Amino acid sequence: MALLKFKVKAPKDLQARLKDVGQKHDLGDLDTIVDFFITKGLKVYEAPEELALKKRLEHVVENQGYSGREELVEHLLLRGLRAYEEEAADPEALAARLRGLGYID
């Protein structure tokens, strides 16, 4: 029996916003957007990249005082949404903000 990969699910109340941002910014489908925001967010907390996703989330929960994985996931998704939903005066300003938040290189 193969081991299943741990998958983060977006809270239902955020799914429409995530899909909208994904379409507007060509980020992919819902699962791709969730993975993108979670991965980038975990880098901010310096979660050990050699750990599996579930362990990385648990590491941040324990070290940052979140009540659980669900709270951390929601925080990371909202942070990603805010970065892309806030209007910028021009495309360069948006790119600079996303670069500063670590969402683009």
N, C-alpha and C. Protein backbone atom coordinates (compact mmCIF):
# COMPACT_ATOMS: atom_id res chain seq x y z
N MET A 1 0.84 -1.18 0.00
CA MET A 1 0.00 0.00 0.00
C MET A 1 0.89 1.24 0.00
N ALA A 2 0.66 2.13 -0.92
CA ALA A 2 1.46 3.35 -1.04
C ALA A 2 1.04 4.38 0.01
N LEU A 3 2.01 5.12 0.47
CA LEU A 3 1.71 6.19 1.41
C LEU A 3 1.10 7.37 0.67
N LEU A 4 0.07 7.95 1.24
CA LEU A 4 -0.56 9.11 0.63
C LEU A 4 0.18 10.36 1.03
N LYS A 5 0.34 11.26 0.09
CA LYS A 5 0.98 12.54 0.36
C LYS A 5 0.02 13.42 1.15
N PHE A 6 0.52 14.06 2.19
CA PHE A 6 -0.30 14.96 2.99
C PHE A 6 -0.70 16.15 2.13
N LYS A 7 -1.97 16.48 2.13
CA LYS A 7 -2.48 17.57 1.30
C LYS A 7 -3.21 18.57 2.19
N VAL A 8 -2.90 19.83 2.00
CA VAL A 8 -3.56 20.90 2.74
C VAL A 8 -4.81 21.31 1.98
N LYS A 9 -5.92 21.35 2.68
CA LYS A 9 -7.18 21.79 2.07
C LYS A 9 -7.48 23.21 2.52
N ALA A 10 -7.94 24.01 1.57
CA ALA A 10 -8.31 25.39 1.89
C ALA A 10 -9.66 25.39 2.60
N PRO A 11 -9.80 26.25 3.61
CA PRO A 11 -11.11 26.40 4.25
C PRO A 11 -12.14 26.81 3.20
N LYS A 12 -13.35 26.29 3.33
CA LYS A 12 -14.40 26.57 2.34
C LYS A 12 -14.64 28.06 2.13
N ASP A 13 -14.56 28.84 3.21
CA ASP A 13 -14.83 30.27 3.10
C ASP A 13 -13.74 31.05 2.36
N LEU A 14 -12.60 30.43 2.09
CA LEU A 14 -11.52 31.09 1.35
C LEU A 14 -11.39 30.59 -0.09
N GLN A 15 -12.05 29.50 -0.41
CA GLN A 15 -11.86 28.88 -1.72
C GLN A 15 -12.19 29.80 -2.89
N ALA A 16 -13.29 30.54 -2.82
CA ALA A 16 -13.66 31.42 -3.93
C ALA A 16 -12.61 32.52 -4.13
N ARG A 17 -12.14 33.09 -3.02
CA ARG A 17 -11.11 34.14 -3.11
C ARG A 17 -9.83 33.58 -3.70
N LEU A 18 -9.44 32.39 -3.27
CA LEU A 18 -8.23 31.76 -3.79
C LEU A 18 -8.34 31.50 -5.28
N LYS A 19 -9.49 31.01 -5.71
CA LYS A 19 -9.71 30.75 -7.14
C LYS A 19 -9.64 32.05 -7.94
N ASP A 20 -10.25 33.12 -7.41
CA ASP A 20 -10.22 34.41 -8.09
C ASP A 20 -8.79 34.93 -8.26
N VAL A 21 -8.01 34.86 -7.19
CA VAL A 21 -6.63 35.31 -7.25
C VAL A 21 -5.84 34.44 -8.22
N GLY A 22 -6.08 33.15 -8.20
CA GLY A 22 -5.39 32.24 -9.11
C GLY A 22 -5.66 32.57 -10.56
N GLN A 23 -6.92 32.88 -10.87
CA GLN A 23 -7.27 33.25 -12.24
C GLN A 23 -6.67 34.59 -12.63
N LYS A 24 -6.83 35.57 -11.76
CA LYS A 24 -6.38 36.93 -12.06
C LYS A 24 -4.87 37.00 -12.27
N HIS A 25 -4.13 36.22 -11.50
CA HIS A 25 -2.66 36.29 -11.54
C HIS A 25 -2.03 35.05 -12.18
N ASP A 26 -2.84 34.23 -12.82
CA ASP A 26 -2.36 33.05 -13.53
C ASP A 26 -1.49 32.16 -12.64
N LEU A 27 -2.02 31.84 -11.46
CA LEU A 27 -1.28 31.02 -10.50
C LEU A 27 -1.67 29.54 -10.54
N GLY A 28 -2.68 29.20 -11.31
CA GLY A 28 -3.08 27.80 -11.41
C GLY A 28 -4.38 27.51 -10.70
N ASP A 29 -4.63 26.22 -10.51
CA ASP A 29 -5.89 25.81 -9.87
C ASP A 29 -5.81 25.97 -8.35
N LEU A 30 -6.89 25.64 -7.67
CA LEU A 30 -6.99 25.84 -6.22
C LEU A 30 -5.87 25.12 -5.47
N ASP A 31 -5.63 23.85 -5.80
CA ASP A 31 -4.58 23.11 -5.09
C ASP A 31 -3.20 23.72 -5.30
N THR A 32 -2.94 24.19 -6.51
CA THR A 32 -1.64 24.81 -6.80
C THR A 32 -1.47 26.10 -6.01
N ILE A 33 -2.52 26.90 -5.93
CA ILE A 33 -2.46 28.16 -5.18
C ILE A 33 -2.23 27.90 -3.70
N VAL A 34 -2.96 26.93 -3.15
CA VAL A 34 -2.81 26.59 -1.74
C VAL A 34 -1.38 26.14 -1.47
N ASP A 35 -0.85 25.24 -2.29
CA ASP A 35 0.53 24.78 -2.12
C ASP A 35 1.52 25.95 -2.20
N PHE A 36 1.30 26.84 -3.16
CA PHE A 36 2.17 28.00 -3.35
C PHE A 36 2.19 28.89 -2.11
N PHE A 37 1.00 29.26 -1.61
CA PHE A 37 0.92 30.14 -0.45
C PHE A 37 1.48 29.47 0.82
N ILE A 38 1.21 28.18 0.98
CA ILE A 38 1.72 27.46 2.15
C ILE A 38 3.24 27.35 2.09
N THR A 39 3.77 26.98 0.96
CA THR A 39 5.22 26.84 0.81
C THR A 39 5.94 28.16 1.05
N LYS A 40 5.45 29.23 0.44
CA LYS A 40 6.08 30.54 0.64
C LYS A 40 5.95 31.00 2.08
N GLY A 41 4.80 30.77 2.69
CA GLY A 41 4.59 31.17 4.08
C GLY A 41 5.49 30.43 5.04
N LEU A 42 5.69 29.14 4.80
CA LEU A 42 6.55 28.36 5.68
C LEU A 42 8.00 28.82 5.60
N LYS A 43 8.41 29.33 4.44
CA LYS A 43 9.77 29.86 4.31
C LYS A 43 9.97 31.08 5.22
N VAL A 44 8.92 31.89 5.37
CA VAL A 44 9.00 33.06 6.25
C VAL A 44 9.29 32.63 7.68
N TYR A 45 8.68 31.51 8.09
CA TYR A 45 8.89 30.99 9.45
C TYR A 45 10.14 30.11 9.56
N GLU A 46 10.86 29.99 8.45
CA GLU A 46 12.09 29.20 8.41
C GLU A 46 11.87 27.76 8.86
N ALA A 47 10.75 27.17 8.41
CA ALA A 47 10.48 25.76 8.69
C ALA A 47 11.49 24.92 7.93
N PRO A 48 12.06 23.93 8.57
CA PRO A 48 13.07 23.09 7.92
C PRO A 48 12.54 22.45 6.63
N GLU A 49 13.16 22.77 5.51
CA GLU A 49 12.69 22.30 4.21
C GLU A 49 12.89 20.80 4.01
N GLU A 50 13.77 20.20 4.79
CA GLU A 50 14.00 18.76 4.63
C GLU A 50 12.88 17.92 5.23
N LEU A 51 12.03 18.53 6.05
CA LEU A 51 10.91 17.81 6.65
C LEU A 51 9.74 17.72 5.68
N ALA A 52 8.91 16.71 5.85
CA ALA A 52 7.68 16.59 5.07
C ALA A 52 6.75 17.75 5.44
N LEU A 53 5.83 18.05 4.55
CA LEU A 53 4.93 19.20 4.75
C LEU A 53 4.21 19.15 6.09
N LYS A 54 3.66 18.01 6.44
CA LYS A 54 2.93 17.88 7.71
C LYS A 54 3.84 18.21 8.89
N LYS A 55 5.07 17.72 8.87
CA LYS A 55 6.03 17.98 9.95
C LYS A 55 6.45 19.45 9.96
N ARG A 56 6.58 20.06 8.78
CA ARG A 56 6.94 21.48 8.71
C ARG A 56 5.83 22.32 9.35
N LEU A 57 4.58 21.99 9.04
CA LEU A 57 3.45 22.71 9.64
C LEU A 57 3.45 22.54 11.15
N GLU A 58 3.66 21.31 11.61
CA GLU A 58 3.69 21.04 13.06
C GLU A 58 4.83 21.80 13.73
N HIS A 59 5.97 21.88 13.06
CA HIS A 59 7.12 22.62 13.59
C HIS A 59 6.75 24.09 13.83
N VAL A 60 6.11 24.71 12.85
CA VAL A 60 5.73 26.12 12.98
C VAL A 60 4.65 26.29 14.04
N VAL A 61 3.69 25.39 14.09
CA VAL A 61 2.65 25.46 15.11
C VAL A 61 3.28 25.46 16.50
N GLU A 62 4.18 24.54 16.73
CA GLU A 62 4.83 24.42 18.04
C GLU A 62 5.71 25.62 18.37
N ASN A 63 6.43 26.13 17.38
CA ASN A 63 7.40 27.20 17.65
C ASN A 63 6.82 28.60 17.59
N GLN A 64 5.67 28.76 16.96
CA GLN A 64 5.09 30.10 16.82
C GLN A 64 3.82 30.30 17.65
N GLY A 65 3.37 29.26 18.33
CA GLY A 65 2.24 29.41 19.24
C GLY A 65 0.86 29.36 18.60
N TYR A 66 0.75 28.78 17.43
CA TYR A 66 -0.56 28.61 16.82
C TYR A 66 -1.32 27.53 17.57
N SER A 67 -2.64 27.60 17.55
CA SER A 67 -3.45 26.61 18.26
C SER A 67 -3.47 25.27 17.55
N GLY A 68 -3.18 25.27 16.25
CA GLY A 68 -3.16 24.03 15.49
C GLY A 68 -2.85 24.31 14.03
N ARG A 69 -2.77 23.21 13.27
CA ARG A 69 -2.46 23.34 11.84
C ARG A 69 -3.50 24.17 11.10
N GLU A 70 -4.76 24.00 11.46
CA GLU A 70 -5.83 24.71 10.75
C GLU A 70 -5.66 26.22 10.88
N GLU A 71 -5.31 26.68 12.09
CA GLU A 71 -5.11 28.12 12.29
C GLU A 71 -3.93 28.63 11.48
N LEU A 72 -2.84 27.87 11.47
CA LEU A 72 -1.65 28.26 10.70
C LEU A 72 -1.96 28.30 9.21
N VAL A 73 -2.62 27.28 8.70
CA VAL A 73 -2.96 27.23 7.28
C VAL A 73 -3.83 28.42 6.90
N GLU A 74 -4.84 28.70 7.71
CA GLU A 74 -5.70 29.85 7.41
C GLU A 74 -4.90 31.15 7.41
N HIS A 75 -4.01 31.32 8.36
CA HIS A 75 -3.17 32.52 8.42
C HIS A 75 -2.30 32.64 7.17
N LEU A 76 -1.66 31.55 6.76
CA LEU A 76 -0.79 31.59 5.59
C LEU A 76 -1.58 31.90 4.32
N LEU A 77 -2.77 31.32 4.20
CA LEU A 77 -3.60 31.57 3.01
C LEU A 77 -4.09 33.01 2.99
N LEU A 78 -4.51 33.52 4.14
CA LEU A 78 -4.98 34.92 4.19
C LEU A 78 -3.84 35.88 3.88
N ARG A 79 -2.65 35.57 4.36
CA ARG A 79 -1.49 36.42 4.09
C ARG A 79 -1.20 36.45 2.58
N GLY A 80 -1.25 35.29 1.96
CA GLY A 80 -1.05 35.22 0.52
C GLY A 80 -2.13 35.96 -0.25
N LEU A 81 -3.37 35.79 0.17
CA LEU A 81 -4.47 36.49 -0.48
C LEU A 81 -4.30 38.00 -0.39
N ARG A 82 -3.99 38.48 0.80
CA ARG A 82 -3.81 39.93 0.99
C ARG A 82 -2.71 40.47 0.07
N ALA A 83 -1.65 39.70 -0.07
CA ALA A 83 -0.54 40.15 -0.91
C ALA A 83 -0.98 40.35 -2.35
N TYR A 84 -1.86 39.49 -2.83
CA TYR A 84 -2.28 39.56 -4.23
C TYR A 84 -3.56 40.36 -4.44
N GLU A 85 -4.39 40.50 -3.42
CA GLU A 85 -5.66 41.21 -3.58
C GLU A 85 -5.53 42.72 -3.43
N GLU A 86 -4.58 43.16 -2.62
CA GLU A 86 -4.42 44.60 -2.42
C GLU A 86 -4.01 45.25 -3.73
N GLU A 87 -4.70 46.32 -4.05
CA GLU A 87 -4.41 47.03 -5.30
C GLU A 87 -3.08 47.77 -5.19
N ALA A 88 -2.35 47.73 -6.25
CA ALA A 88 -1.10 48.49 -6.33
C ALA A 88 -1.26 49.55 -7.40
N ALA A 89 -0.55 50.65 -7.24
CA ALA A 89 -0.64 51.76 -8.17
C ALA A 89 -0.21 51.35 -9.58
N ASP A 90 0.75 50.47 -9.66
CA ASP A 90 1.22 50.02 -10.97
C ASP A 90 1.79 48.61 -10.84
N PRO A 91 1.99 47.93 -11.95
CA PRO A 91 2.51 46.56 -11.89
C PRO A 91 3.86 46.44 -11.19
N GLU A 92 4.71 47.45 -11.34
CA GLU A 92 6.02 47.40 -10.68
C GLU A 92 5.86 47.45 -9.15
N ALA A 93 4.90 48.25 -8.68
CA ALA A 93 4.67 48.33 -7.23
C ALA A 93 4.16 46.99 -6.71
N LEU A 94 3.26 46.35 -7.45
CA LEU A 94 2.77 45.03 -7.05
C LEU A 94 3.92 44.03 -7.02
N ALA A 95 4.74 44.01 -8.05
CA ALA A 95 5.87 43.09 -8.10
C ALA A 95 6.83 43.34 -6.94
N ALA A 96 7.09 44.61 -6.62
CA ALA A 96 7.99 44.95 -5.51
C ALA A 96 7.42 44.45 -4.19
N ARG A 97 6.10 44.61 -3.98
CA ARG A 97 5.48 44.16 -2.74
C ARG A 97 5.54 42.63 -2.65
N LEU A 98 5.22 41.95 -3.75
CA LEU A 98 5.25 40.48 -3.73
C LEU A 98 6.66 39.96 -3.52
N ARG A 99 7.64 40.64 -4.09
CA ARG A 99 9.04 40.26 -3.89
C ARG A 99 9.42 40.46 -2.42
N GLY A 100 9.01 41.56 -1.84
CA GLY A 100 9.33 41.86 -0.45
C GLY A 100 8.70 40.86 0.51
N LEU A 101 7.52 40.34 0.16
CA LEU A 101 6.85 39.35 1.00
C LEU A 101 7.32 37.94 0.72
N GLY A 102 8.16 37.77 -0.30
CA GLY A 102 8.72 36.46 -0.60
C GLY A 102 7.87 35.61 -1.53
N TYR A 103 6.87 36.20 -2.17
CA TYR A 103 6.01 35.41 -3.07
C TYR A 103 6.58 35.27 -4.48
N ILE A 104 7.47 36.17 -4.87
CA ILE A 104 8.17 36.03 -6.14
C ILE A 104 9.64 36.34 -5.91
N ASP A 105 10.48 35.83 -6.78
CA ASP A 105 11.93 36.07 -6.66
C ASP A 105 12.34 37.28 -7.44
